[in-house]
Protein backbone atom coordinates (compact mmCIF):
# COMPACT_ATOMS: atom_id res chain seq x y z
CA MET A 1 28.56 -47.54 -61.90
CA ASP A 2 31.50 -46.39 -59.83
CA LYS A 3 29.37 -43.59 -58.39
CA LYS A 4 26.81 -46.10 -57.18
CA LYS A 5 29.51 -48.19 -55.56
CA ASP A 6 31.02 -45.13 -53.85
CA THR A 7 27.60 -44.14 -52.52
CA LEU A 8 26.96 -47.65 -51.21
CA ASP A 9 30.40 -47.69 -49.54
CA GLU A 10 29.67 -44.33 -47.87
CA HIS A 11 26.34 -45.60 -46.56
CA ALA A 12 27.94 -48.79 -45.28
CA LEU A 13 30.68 -46.80 -43.57
CA PHE A 14 28.14 -44.50 -41.96
CA HIS A 15 25.99 -47.39 -40.71
CA GLU A 16 29.08 -49.15 -39.34
CA ALA A 17 30.09 -45.95 -37.51
CA VAL A 18 26.68 -45.45 -35.86
CA LYS A 19 25.61 -49.05 -35.28
CA ASP A 20 26.07 -48.83 -31.48
CA ALA A 21 24.54 -45.37 -31.21
CA ARG A 22 21.34 -45.01 -29.23
CA PRO A 23 18.84 -42.20 -29.61
CA ILE A 24 19.02 -39.56 -26.90
CA LYS A 25 15.85 -39.31 -24.90
CA THR A 26 14.63 -35.78 -24.92
CA GLU A 27 11.95 -34.45 -22.71
CA ARG A 28 9.97 -31.53 -23.88
CA ILE A 29 9.99 -28.94 -21.21
CA HIS A 30 7.13 -26.53 -21.25
CA HIS A 31 8.04 -23.32 -19.54
CA ALA A 32 5.16 -21.57 -17.88
CA PRO A 33 5.02 -17.89 -18.58
CA PRO A 34 6.46 -15.83 -15.74
CA PRO A 35 3.86 -14.70 -13.25
CA PRO A 36 2.72 -11.11 -13.71
CA LYS A 37 4.52 -8.52 -11.67
CA PRO A 38 2.60 -7.50 -8.57
CA VAL A 39 0.69 -4.27 -8.76
CA PRO A 40 1.86 -1.90 -6.01
CA LYS A 41 -1.67 -0.82 -5.06
CA GLN A 42 -0.68 0.97 -1.87
CA PHE A 43 2.12 2.82 -3.68
CA ILE A 44 -0.34 3.94 -6.36
CA ARG A 45 -2.80 5.12 -3.68
CA ASP A 46 0.01 6.97 -1.89
CA GLU A 47 1.11 8.65 -5.12
CA GLN A 48 -2.46 9.75 -5.90
CA GLN A 49 -2.89 11.12 -2.39
CA ALA A 50 0.42 12.98 -2.64
CA LEU A 51 -0.77 14.57 -5.89
CA VAL A 52 -4.04 15.62 -4.29
CA ASP A 53 -2.28 16.93 -1.19
CA SER A 54 0.17 18.89 -3.32
CA LEU A 55 -2.62 21.11 -4.58
CA SER A 56 -4.09 23.46 -2.05
CA ASP A 57 -7.27 25.50 -2.48
CA ASP A 58 -5.83 28.20 -0.26
CA TYR A 59 -2.60 28.88 -2.13
CA ILE A 60 -2.33 32.55 -3.04
CA PRO A 61 0.34 33.39 -5.59
CA SER A 62 2.29 36.58 -5.22
CA HIS A 63 3.15 36.95 -8.89
CA GLU A 64 0.02 36.09 -10.81
CA LEU A 65 -0.67 38.16 -13.90
CA GLU A 66 -4.44 38.16 -13.67
CA SER A 67 -6.17 40.96 -15.47
CA GLY A 68 -9.81 41.25 -14.52
CA GLU A 69 -11.57 37.93 -15.13
CA GLU A 70 -8.98 36.57 -17.55
CA LEU A 71 -6.62 33.90 -16.22
CA LEU A 72 -2.97 34.53 -17.01
CA TYR A 73 0.14 33.10 -15.42
CA LEU A 74 3.81 32.94 -16.34
CA ARG A 75 6.35 31.17 -14.14
CA ASP A 76 9.25 33.32 -12.94
CA GLY A 77 12.18 33.36 -15.32
CA GLN A 78 10.10 32.67 -18.44
CA SER A 79 9.88 35.04 -21.38
CA PRO A 80 6.66 37.05 -21.76
CA ILE A 81 6.70 35.95 -25.40
CA ILE A 82 5.67 32.48 -24.21
CA LEU A 83 2.49 33.87 -22.67
CA SER A 84 1.76 35.90 -25.78
CA LYS A 85 2.17 32.82 -28.00
CA LEU A 86 -0.01 30.74 -25.69
CA ARG A 87 -2.81 33.32 -25.79
CA LYS A 88 -2.66 33.40 -29.60
CA GLY A 89 -2.88 29.61 -29.93
CA HIS A 90 0.70 29.10 -31.12
CA TRP A 91 0.88 25.56 -29.70
CA VAL A 92 -1.43 22.74 -30.76
CA VAL A 93 -3.63 21.47 -27.94
CA GLN A 94 -2.54 17.84 -27.48
CA ALA A 95 -4.99 16.80 -24.76
CA SER A 96 -8.05 18.18 -23.06
CA ILE A 97 -10.25 17.49 -20.04
CA ASP A 98 -13.62 18.85 -18.98
CA LEU A 99 -14.35 19.49 -15.31
CA HIS A 100 -18.09 20.13 -15.76
CA GLY A 101 -20.15 18.33 -13.16
CA LEU A 102 -17.23 17.59 -10.82
CA VAL A 103 -17.03 18.77 -7.23
CA SER A 104 -13.81 20.43 -6.08
CA GLU A 105 -12.14 17.31 -4.66
CA GLU A 106 -12.89 15.27 -7.78
CA ALA A 107 -11.69 18.09 -10.01
CA ARG A 108 -8.46 18.52 -8.06
CA LEU A 109 -7.58 14.82 -8.37
CA TYR A 110 -8.59 14.78 -12.04
CA VAL A 111 -6.43 17.83 -12.83
CA SER A 112 -3.46 16.45 -10.93
CA ASP A 113 -3.67 13.06 -12.67
CA PHE A 114 -4.18 14.74 -16.03
CA ILE A 115 -1.15 17.02 -15.71
CA SER A 116 1.05 14.11 -14.59
CA ALA A 117 -0.13 11.86 -17.43
CA CYS A 118 0.41 14.61 -20.00
CA LYS A 119 3.90 15.30 -18.70
CA LYS A 120 4.77 11.58 -18.93
CA ARG A 121 3.50 11.45 -22.51
CA GLY A 122 5.56 14.51 -23.44
CA PHE A 123 2.57 16.74 -24.16
CA ARG A 124 3.40 20.40 -24.25
CA CYS A 125 0.05 22.23 -24.52
CA VAL A 126 -3.22 21.08 -22.93
CA ARG A 127 -6.67 22.52 -22.36
CA ILE A 128 -8.70 22.32 -19.19
CA VAL A 129 -12.37 23.24 -19.47
CA HIS A 130 -13.50 24.53 -16.09
CA GLY A 131 -16.80 26.08 -17.09
CA LYS A 132 -18.19 29.54 -16.53
CA GLY A 133 -20.03 28.74 -13.35
CA LEU A 134 -23.48 29.26 -14.81
CA GLY A 135 -24.76 26.12 -13.08
CA SER A 136 -23.29 26.85 -9.65
CA LYS A 137 -24.62 28.84 -6.70
CA ASN A 138 -24.55 32.57 -7.35
CA ARG A 139 -23.62 31.71 -10.95
CA GLU A 140 -19.91 32.14 -10.11
CA PRO A 141 -17.09 30.01 -11.53
CA VAL A 142 -15.96 28.03 -8.48
CA LEU A 143 -13.58 25.68 -10.30
CA LYS A 144 -12.01 28.49 -12.33
CA ASN A 145 -10.54 30.13 -9.23
CA LYS A 146 -9.47 26.84 -7.69
CA LEU A 147 -7.91 25.68 -10.96
CA ARG A 148 -5.82 28.84 -11.08
CA ASN A 149 -4.34 28.04 -7.67
CA TRP A 150 -3.82 24.35 -8.44
CA LEU A 151 -1.97 25.02 -11.69
CA ILE A 152 0.41 27.54 -10.17
CA GLN A 153 1.45 24.92 -7.62
CA LYS A 154 2.34 22.36 -10.30
CA ASP A 155 6.04 22.53 -11.16
CA GLU A 156 5.28 21.17 -14.65
CA VAL A 157 3.25 24.28 -15.53
CA ILE A 158 5.21 27.03 -17.27
CA ALA A 159 2.27 29.24 -18.13
CA TYR A 160 -1.47 29.31 -18.60
CA ALA A 161 -3.89 31.63 -20.30
CA GLN A 162 -7.58 31.86 -20.91
CA ALA A 163 -8.46 29.91 -24.04
CA ARG A 164 -9.31 31.66 -27.27
CA GLN A 165 -13.05 31.93 -27.97
CA GLN A 166 -13.02 28.94 -30.34
CA ASP A 167 -11.23 26.84 -27.67
CA GLY A 168 -13.65 27.59 -24.82
CA GLY A 169 -13.08 31.27 -24.05
CA SER A 170 -13.54 32.24 -20.42
CA GLY A 171 -14.71 28.69 -19.61
CA ALA A 172 -11.35 27.08 -20.39
CA VAL A 173 -7.66 27.57 -19.89
CA LEU A 174 -4.69 26.60 -22.07
CA VAL A 175 -1.77 25.26 -20.10
CA LEU A 176 1.84 25.10 -21.31
CA LEU A 177 3.86 22.33 -19.72
CA LYS A 178 7.62 21.95 -19.44
CA GLY A 179 9.05 20.14 -22.45
């Protein structure tokens, strides 16, 4: 019985203490989500144009390692072992694009965007299928020669070599990017 009395006394004390209290009015504030960040469209266009402009069709390298029809390139200061490993398929191809059906300007932009995207994603080895030129005038590989010049101009490219037969042979090139 004493427990009941103690409980009743506690309740009475509490009610006496809060008898003049008034509930606080609270307003529910709904926060709108922040507006999306603006897309810098002109900046993006400028960056794309800079990438296109950075690749010239007329660039002639002085230190290319081309042997006959096979594409080979190793940036100055790199070990020849890198080129040997690339030719033997030492690195796994992490991304690939196909330039079939593209005209030179489209291909140049596509290659530039592709290399930049691969570099950002941390890809090390990529394949670019340029074709053998069987569908072009004089049945000559137009994009193959242009691709060679474009890749040499890209600072991200350490080396490139004609793909192994199972990876596209003379119609594709394996590219090793800086890690």
